[in-house]
Amino acid sequence: MNTEELIALSEQCIMHTYRRFPIVLVKGSGARVWDSEGKEYLDFVAGIAVCSLGHAHPKVVDAIQKQVELLTHVSNLYYIEPQIHLAGLLVEHSFADKAFFCNSGAEANEAAIKLARKYAHDSIEGNRYEIITMEDSFHGRTLATVTATGQEKFQAGFDPLPAGFRYVPFNDISAVERAVSEHTCAIMVEPIQGEGGIKVPDDGYLQSLRSLCDERDLLLIFDEVQVGMGRTGTLFAYEKSGITPDIMTLAKALGNGYPVGAMLASDTVASAFGPGNHATTFGGNPLGMSACLAVMDTLLNDGILEHCRSMSTYFFDRLGALAERHAEICGVRGEGLIAGLELTCPGDEIVWKAMEKGLLINCTSGNILRFVPPLVITEDEVDQAINIMDEVIGS
């Protein structure tokens, strides 16, 4: 089937829950993908921060190929060797003592919400069930996680939403303090807001949240679905803040394209979950865990984090110079290899023009161009992306 026929069949048979660009991507390698007509693109979307090691990374491909021939799936009624090894690595390299595996970021956040409520029910006096989240946050699309998400546009039409969430402005510790009530059990925050417009916390903000949680006997939940797994130049984004959460969620880059999620917690909090409190059929399956083990091995041992930090400096230097040349850019922000260009105009047209020139980026919050390229990008690829942006901005 040609591209036109494939798109027509998609429109006929697939629910219209996405606004799709009129290309069919069929192959990828490193930071590049190709469509069904053979056109090559430089991919600075990377599945929205998923393919951090690039497309078809040889270690991940090899791990999946070997595991699929050995054992694809068994129930969590039994111990699963790759799952045990992955949990051990995540615990060794993070604050956490225990891990729970699922299939997506939304599921990881759902598990975090349930764990926080269960812990409060079992261990904290009073009727504690509310979770404070931030305006412009994004935590998922299930009923609970879309309610946790502080953006009305994602919630419209799904009333009545579950009770138990309160929203405050990001970067406003005073607003958080005012929102805490006798029903509050946790604060949930992204260390950097992704869908909300690449918003970086002010100095001291995350530390103040930690202090507030300690003072008021609240749990601190970090949603690192988009910014974890090396995206900020450290394995986990919380590492740069000098504090640790009680619960952390991961997904996206954890499997480099294999659907997987994880919820990590300290022993004290994790002990609230017992057999039957939470579960998932496919979570922690041997195939997914093997992919994740390959990702972890590569991040920890192949210089990826160091490369990310080096490329971050280069990329932000080039973005800063780009902003100086174009009045349409009024801000550059981000950390590691998650970057946002704030525009004085809507960004969708620029995204389309960049795609036509062979660069994939996306726009969030209407006027923020988001760049989340694979962590393995090179200076030449950054230069190519900047050159294309130079051509399309203001054209």
Protein backbone atom coordinates (compact mmCIF):
# COMPACT_ATOMS: atom_id res chain seq x y z
CA MET A 1 0.00 0.00 0.00
CA ASN A 2 1.23 3.51 -0.73
CA THR A 3 1.17 6.36 1.76
CA GLU A 4 -2.18 7.73 0.61
CA GLU A 5 -3.81 4.30 0.90
CA LEU A 6 -2.34 3.68 4.34
CA ILE A 7 -3.60 7.01 5.64
CA ALA A 8 -7.05 6.39 4.15
CA LEU A 9 -7.26 2.98 5.85
CA SER A 10 -6.13 4.54 9.13
CA GLU A 11 -8.85 7.20 8.92
CA GLN A 12 -11.40 4.48 8.24
CA CYS A 13 -10.41 2.02 10.98
CA ILE A 14 -8.62 3.84 13.82
CA MET A 15 -10.36 6.09 16.32
CA HIS A 16 -9.56 9.74 15.73
CA THR A 17 -7.82 10.40 19.05
CA TYR A 18 -4.69 11.91 17.43
CA ARG A 19 -4.01 14.78 15.05
CA ARG A 20 -1.50 13.04 12.82
CA PHE A 21 0.92 14.51 10.31
CA PRO A 22 0.43 13.04 6.81
CA ILE A 23 3.50 10.81 6.82
CA VAL A 24 3.92 7.12 7.64
CA LEU A 25 7.19 6.38 9.44
CA VAL A 26 8.52 2.92 8.67
CA LYS A 27 12.20 2.76 9.68
CA GLY A 28 14.63 4.35 12.10
CA SER A 29 18.31 4.33 12.96
CA GLY A 30 19.96 6.49 15.58
CA ALA A 31 18.49 9.98 15.46
CA ARG A 32 16.95 9.49 12.00
CA VAL A 33 13.71 8.01 10.66
CA TRP A 34 12.37 7.35 7.17
CA ASP A 35 8.82 7.49 5.87
CA SER A 36 7.03 5.10 3.52
CA GLU A 37 8.20 7.12 0.51
CA GLY A 38 11.85 6.97 1.53
CA LYS A 39 12.18 10.54 2.81
CA GLU A 40 14.66 10.94 5.69
CA TYR A 41 13.99 13.01 8.80
CA LEU A 42 16.14 14.11 11.72
CA ASP A 43 14.05 13.07 14.73
CA PHE A 44 14.06 15.61 17.58
CA VAL A 45 10.80 14.19 18.94
CA ALA A 46 12.11 10.65 19.55
CA GLY A 47 8.67 9.29 20.34
CA ILE A 48 8.28 12.22 22.78
CA ALA A 49 11.42 11.53 24.82
CA VAL A 50 11.09 7.75 24.44
CA CYS A 51 13.89 6.66 22.10
CA SER A 52 16.68 8.22 24.12
CA LEU A 53 19.25 5.77 22.77
CA GLY A 54 18.01 6.38 19.25
CA HIS A 55 16.06 4.10 16.98
CA ALA A 56 17.08 0.44 16.64
CA HIS A 57 19.87 0.68 19.18
CA PRO A 58 21.89 -2.51 18.73
CA LYS A 59 22.02 -3.46 22.42
CA VAL A 60 18.26 -3.10 22.81
CA VAL A 61 17.57 -4.96 19.56
CA ASP A 62 19.88 -7.78 20.61
CA ALA A 63 18.30 -8.06 24.07
CA ILE A 64 14.78 -8.26 22.66
CA GLN A 65 15.76 -10.77 19.98
CA LYS A 66 17.42 -13.07 22.51
CA GLN A 67 14.63 -12.84 25.06
CA VAL A 68 11.77 -13.38 22.58
CA GLU A 69 13.36 -16.71 21.65
CA LEU A 70 13.70 -17.67 25.31
CA LEU A 71 10.59 -16.50 27.19
CA THR A 72 8.18 -13.73 26.22
CA HIS A 73 5.62 -13.68 29.00
CA VAL A 74 4.70 -15.41 32.22
CA SER A 75 2.42 -14.25 35.01
CA ASN A 76 3.60 -12.35 38.06
CA LEU A 77 2.33 -15.38 39.96
CA TYR A 78 5.93 -16.51 39.46
CA TYR A 79 9.34 -14.88 39.92
CA ILE A 80 10.73 -13.37 36.70
CA GLU A 81 14.52 -13.22 36.42
CA PRO A 82 14.96 -10.10 34.19
CA GLN A 83 12.45 -8.26 36.37
CA ILE A 84 14.48 -9.06 39.48
CA HIS A 85 17.70 -7.83 37.87
CA LEU A 86 16.10 -4.59 36.64
CA ALA A 87 14.60 -3.84 40.04
CA GLY A 88 18.02 -4.41 41.57
CA LEU A 89 19.65 -1.92 39.20
CA LEU A 90 16.99 0.74 39.71
CA VAL A 91 17.23 0.40 43.48
CA GLU A 92 21.04 0.43 43.40
CA HIS A 93 21.16 3.66 41.41
CA SER A 94 18.29 5.58 43.02
CA PHE A 95 16.90 6.58 46.42
CA ALA A 96 14.32 3.79 46.25
CA ASP A 97 14.14 0.43 47.97
CA LYS A 98 11.35 -1.20 45.98
CA ALA A 99 10.01 -1.13 42.40
CA PHE A 100 6.66 -1.94 40.80
CA PHE A 101 6.51 -2.52 37.04
CA CYS A 102 3.67 -1.69 34.68
CA ASN A 103 3.21 -0.72 31.03
CA SER A 104 3.11 3.08 30.71
CA GLY A 105 3.63 6.39 32.43
CA ALA A 106 -0.07 6.76 33.16
CA GLU A 107 -0.08 3.35 34.84
CA ALA A 108 3.02 4.26 36.85
CA ASN A 109 1.35 7.44 38.05
CA GLU A 110 -1.88 5.57 38.79
CA ALA A 111 0.16 3.19 40.95
CA ALA A 112 1.82 6.14 42.71
CA ILE A 113 -1.56 7.73 43.48
CA LYS A 114 -2.89 4.45 44.87
CA LEU A 115 0.24 3.86 46.94
CA ALA A 116 0.13 7.36 48.42
CA ARG A 117 -3.51 6.96 49.42
CA LYS A 118 -2.93 3.46 50.81
CA TYR A 119 0.07 4.62 52.84
CA ALA A 120 -1.91 7.56 54.23
CA HIS A 121 -4.83 5.27 55.07
CA ASP A 122 -2.60 2.83 56.92
CA SER A 123 0.02 5.07 58.51
CA ILE A 124 -1.19 8.66 58.92
CA GLU A 125 -3.92 9.80 61.27
CA GLY A 126 -7.02 11.44 59.84
CA ASN A 127 -8.81 11.19 56.52
CA ARG A 128 -5.86 11.83 54.20
CA TYR A 129 -6.52 11.26 50.50
CA GLU A 130 -5.99 14.52 48.59
CA ILE A 131 -2.98 15.05 46.34
CA ILE A 132 -1.75 18.51 45.37
CA THR A 133 -0.57 18.79 41.77
CA MET A 134 0.57 21.71 39.64
CA GLU A 135 -1.23 23.78 37.05
CA ASP A 136 -0.03 22.89 33.53
CA SER A 137 1.18 19.50 34.75
CA PHE A 138 0.62 16.29 32.80
CA HIS A 139 0.35 12.92 34.51
CA GLY A 140 -1.60 10.70 32.11
CA ARG A 141 -4.93 9.92 30.48
CA THR A 142 -6.64 7.47 32.85
CA LEU A 143 -9.47 9.01 34.85
CA ALA A 144 -7.29 9.38 37.94
CA THR A 145 -4.17 10.65 36.15
CA VAL A 146 -6.07 13.02 33.86
CA THR A 147 -7.66 14.45 36.99
CA ALA A 148 -4.21 14.79 38.54
CA THR A 149 -3.19 16.64 35.37
CA GLY A 150 -3.56 20.37 35.92
CA GLN A 151 -4.89 21.21 32.46
CA GLU A 152 -8.64 21.52 31.86
CA LYS A 153 -8.33 20.84 28.13
CA PHE A 154 -7.45 17.21 28.85
CA GLN A 155 -10.33 16.83 31.31
CA ALA A 156 -13.14 18.34 29.23
CA GLY A 157 -16.07 16.00 28.63
CA PHE A 158 -15.11 13.38 31.22
CA ASP A 159 -17.06 14.66 34.21
CA PRO A 160 -17.56 13.66 36.92
CA LEU A 161 -13.85 13.41 37.60
CA PRO A 162 -12.58 11.53 40.65
CA ALA A 163 -12.32 13.57 43.83
CA GLY A 164 -9.10 14.14 45.70
CA PHE A 165 -6.91 16.53 43.68
CA ARG A 166 -6.07 20.20 44.20
CA TYR A 167 -4.12 22.39 41.76
CA VAL A 168 -1.65 25.18 42.44
CA PRO A 169 0.68 27.20 40.19
CA PHE A 170 4.04 25.62 39.42
CA ASN A 171 7.03 27.32 41.10
CA ASP A 172 4.82 28.91 43.81
CA ILE A 173 5.67 27.35 47.17
CA SER A 174 3.34 29.75 49.01
CA ALA A 175 0.41 28.48 46.96
CA VAL A 176 1.31 24.90 47.87
CA GLU A 177 1.46 25.80 51.57
CA ARG A 178 -1.99 27.40 51.37
CA ALA A 179 -3.44 24.38 49.58
CA VAL A 180 -2.38 21.86 52.23
CA SER A 181 -5.38 20.79 54.30
CA GLU A 182 -6.27 18.14 56.85
CA HIS A 183 -7.07 15.86 53.89
CA THR A 184 -3.73 16.23 52.04
CA CYS A 185 -1.60 13.10 51.76
CA ALA A 186 0.91 13.96 49.02
CA ILE A 187 2.35 16.50 46.60
CA MET A 188 2.92 15.31 43.03
CA VAL A 189 5.23 17.24 40.70
CA GLU A 190 7.27 16.92 37.52
CA PRO A 191 10.88 18.06 38.17
CA ILE A 192 10.56 19.79 34.79
CA GLN A 193 7.14 20.26 33.21
CA GLY A 194 7.17 18.79 29.71
CA GLU A 195 3.68 19.07 28.22
CA GLY A 196 3.22 22.22 30.28
CA GLY A 197 5.83 24.08 28.24
CA ILE A 198 9.31 22.94 29.36
CA LYS A 199 9.03 24.79 32.66
CA VAL A 200 12.12 24.46 34.86
CA PRO A 201 11.72 24.88 38.63
CA ASP A 202 13.16 27.95 40.31
CA ASP A 203 16.18 27.47 42.55
CA GLY A 204 15.01 26.08 45.87
CA TYR A 205 11.49 25.18 44.76
CA LEU A 206 11.85 21.39 44.86
CA GLN A 207 13.83 21.64 48.08
CA SER A 208 11.02 23.70 49.62
CA LEU A 209 8.49 21.06 48.58
CA ARG A 210 10.60 18.42 50.32
CA SER A 211 10.79 20.51 53.49
CA LEU A 212 7.04 21.15 53.44
CA CYS A 213 6.31 17.44 53.05
CA ASP A 214 8.60 16.65 55.98
CA GLU A 215 6.98 19.30 58.16
CA ARG A 216 3.39 18.30 57.34
CA ASP A 217 3.84 14.52 57.15
CA LEU A 218 3.13 14.38 53.40
CA LEU A 219 4.58 12.21 50.66
CA LEU A 220 6.53 13.79 47.79
CA ILE A 221 5.94 12.16 44.40
CA PHE A 222 8.20 12.95 41.44
CA ASP A 223 6.78 12.20 38.01
CA GLU A 224 9.92 11.55 35.96
CA VAL A 225 8.11 9.87 33.09
CA GLN A 226 9.44 12.42 30.57
CA VAL A 227 12.58 13.72 32.25
CA GLY A 228 13.98 10.58 33.90
CA MET A 229 16.41 8.03 32.46
CA GLY A 230 19.18 10.42 31.50
CA ARG A 231 17.18 13.20 29.85
CA THR A 232 18.56 15.91 32.17
CA GLY A 233 22.15 14.61 32.08
CA THR A 234 21.82 12.55 35.26
CA LEU A 235 20.15 9.16 35.43
CA PHE A 236 17.21 10.68 37.32
CA ALA A 237 16.18 14.33 37.30
CA TYR A 238 15.83 14.51 41.08
CA GLU A 239 19.59 14.01 41.49
CA LYS A 240 20.33 17.62 40.56
CA SER A 241 18.01 18.98 43.25
CA GLY A 242 19.92 17.47 46.16
CA ILE A 243 16.73 16.01 47.64
CA THR A 244 14.87 12.74 47.18
CA PRO A 245 11.17 12.04 46.72
CA ASP A 246 9.27 9.30 48.52
CA ILE A 247 7.85 7.93 45.27
CA MET A 248 9.12 8.28 41.69
CA THR A 249 7.54 7.23 38.41
CA LEU A 250 9.34 6.29 35.19
CA ALA A 251 8.32 5.18 31.69
CA LYS A 252 9.09 6.49 28.17
CA ALA A 253 12.90 6.12 27.85
CA LEU A 254 13.05 3.23 30.33
CA GLY A 255 12.32 0.77 27.51
CA ASN A 256 13.60 2.90 24.57
CA GLY A 257 10.34 2.19 22.74
CA TYR A 258 9.21 -0.99 24.44
CA PRO A 259 6.05 -0.09 26.43
CA VAL A 260 7.00 -0.14 30.09
CA GLY A 261 6.53 1.87 33.26
CA ALA A 262 7.88 1.71 36.79
CA MET A 263 6.91 3.13 40.17
CA LEU A 264 9.69 3.28 42.75
CA ALA A 265 9.40 4.02 46.47
CA SER A 266 11.19 3.89 49.77
CA ASP A 267 10.71 0.82 51.93
CA THR A 268 8.56 2.70 54.42
CA VAL A 269 6.07 3.80 51.78
CA ALA A 270 6.23 0.65 49.64
CA SER A 271 5.26 -1.49 52.63
CA ALA A 272 1.70 -0.13 52.29
CA PHE A 273 1.21 -2.39 49.27
CA GLY A 274 0.62 -6.06 49.97
CA PRO A 275 -0.47 -8.95 47.75
CA GLY A 276 -3.67 -8.03 45.94
CA ASN A 277 -3.45 -4.27 46.53
CA HIS A 278 -2.21 -3.55 43.01
CA ALA A 279 -1.33 -5.60 39.95
CA THR A 280 -1.09 -5.70 36.16
CA THR A 281 -1.02 -8.63 33.76
CA PHE A 282 1.81 -7.50 31.52
CA GLY A 283 3.85 -5.41 33.95
CA GLY A 284 7.38 -6.71 34.41
CA ASN A 285 7.16 -9.29 31.63
CA PRO A 286 10.47 -10.90 30.60
CA LEU A 287 10.59 -9.26 27.17
CA GLY A 288 10.08 -5.73 28.45
CA MET A 289 12.46 -6.18 31.34
CA SER A 290 15.19 -7.41 29.01
CA ALA A 291 14.79 -4.30 26.88
CA CYS A 292 15.05 -2.14 30.00
CA LEU A 293 18.14 -3.97 31.20
CA ALA A 294 19.83 -3.17 27.90
CA VAL A 295 18.84 0.47 28.28
CA MET A 296 20.19 0.65 31.82
CA ASP A 297 23.43 -1.04 30.82
CA THR A 298 23.92 1.42 27.97
CA LEU A 299 23.12 4.50 30.06
CA LEU A 300 25.39 3.43 32.89
CA ASN A 301 28.35 2.05 30.96
CA ASP A 302 28.55 3.61 27.50
CA GLY A 303 29.12 7.26 28.37
CA ILE A 304 25.59 8.33 27.42
CA LEU A 305 25.05 10.60 30.43
CA GLU A 306 28.37 12.36 29.88
CA HIS A 307 27.54 12.76 26.19
CA CYS A 308 24.13 14.18 27.08
CA ARG A 309 25.71 16.83 29.30
CA SER A 310 28.25 17.75 26.63
CA MET A 311 25.63 17.93 23.88
CA SER A 312 23.34 19.95 26.15
CA THR A 313 25.93 22.70 26.41
CA TYR A 314 26.42 22.71 22.65
CA PHE A 315 22.70 22.56 21.86
CA PHE A 316 21.71 25.37 24.22
CA ASP A 317 24.54 27.54 22.89
CA ARG A 318 23.19 27.05 19.37
CA LEU A 319 19.59 27.67 20.51
CA GLY A 320 20.68 30.86 22.24
CA ALA A 321 22.36 32.09 19.07
CA LEU A 322 19.25 31.15 17.09
CA ALA A 323 17.11 33.22 19.46
CA GLU A 324 19.37 36.23 18.95
CA ARG A 325 18.77 36.04 15.19
CA HIS A 326 14.98 35.73 15.33
CA ALA A 327 12.63 38.18 17.03
CA GLU A 328 9.94 35.48 17.00
CA ILE A 329 11.85 33.66 19.79
CA CYS A 330 11.34 35.25 23.20
CA GLY A 331 12.83 32.57 25.43
CA VAL A 332 15.01 29.46 25.59
CA ARG A 333 14.67 27.06 28.49
CA GLY A 334 15.27 23.48 29.55
CA GLU A 335 17.98 21.25 30.90
CA GLY A 336 20.03 18.39 29.53
CA LEU A 337 18.41 17.45 26.24
CA ILE A 338 14.90 18.67 26.89
CA ALA A 339 14.62 22.16 25.45
CA GLY A 340 11.87 24.64 24.70
CA LEU A 341 11.81 27.67 22.44
CA GLU A 342 9.15 30.14 23.54
CA LEU A 343 7.66 32.01 20.59
CA THR A 344 5.77 35.26 20.24
CA CYS A 345 3.51 33.46 17.77
CA PRO A 346 1.80 30.05 17.47
CA GLY A 347 4.26 27.25 16.79
CA ASP A 348 2.27 24.77 14.71
CA GLU A 349 3.19 26.31 11.36
CA ILE A 350 6.88 26.18 12.20
CA VAL A 351 6.54 22.48 13.12
CA TRP A 352 4.99 21.80 9.70
CA LYS A 353 7.67 23.76 7.84
CA ALA A 354 10.44 22.00 9.76
CA MET A 355 8.94 18.60 8.88
CA GLU A 356 8.89 19.55 5.21
CA LYS A 357 12.61 20.36 5.51
CA GLY A 358 13.33 17.02 7.19
CA LEU A 359 13.28 17.91 10.90
CA LEU A 360 10.72 16.49 13.34
CA ILE A 361 9.90 18.67 16.37
CA ASN A 362 6.64 19.38 18.12
CA CYS A 363 4.76 22.24 19.76
CA THR A 364 3.26 22.23 23.23
CA SER A 365 1.20 24.86 25.06
CA GLY A 366 0.51 26.57 21.76
CA ASN A 367 3.75 28.52 21.39
CA ILE A 368 6.54 26.37 22.85
CA LEU A 369 8.64 24.39 20.39
CA ARG A 370 9.80 21.24 22.21
CA PHE A 371 13.06 19.45 21.40
CA VAL A 372 13.65 16.03 23.00
CA PRO A 373 16.17 14.36 20.66
CA PRO A 374 17.87 11.04 21.33
CA LEU A 375 20.67 11.42 23.85
CA VAL A 376 23.06 10.05 21.22
CA ILE A 377 22.74 13.02 18.87
CA THR A 378 25.93 14.51 17.46
CA GLU A 379 27.11 18.07 16.94
CA ASP A 380 26.57 17.66 13.21
CA GLU A 381 22.95 16.66 13.82
CA VAL A 382 22.43 19.62 16.14
CA ASP A 383 23.89 21.87 13.46
CA GLN A 384 21.56 20.39 10.87
CA ALA A 385 18.55 20.99 13.13
CA ILE A 386 19.56 24.58 13.86
CA ASN A 387 20.11 25.30 10.17
CA ILE A 388 16.61 24.08 9.38
CA MET A 389 15.14 26.17 12.21
CA ASP A 390 16.99 29.18 10.81
CA GLU A 391 15.27 28.60 7.46
CA VAL A 392 11.73 28.10 8.75
CA ILE A 393 11.39 30.66 11.55
CA GLY A 394 10.00 33.84 10.10
CA SER A 395 9.76 32.42 6.60
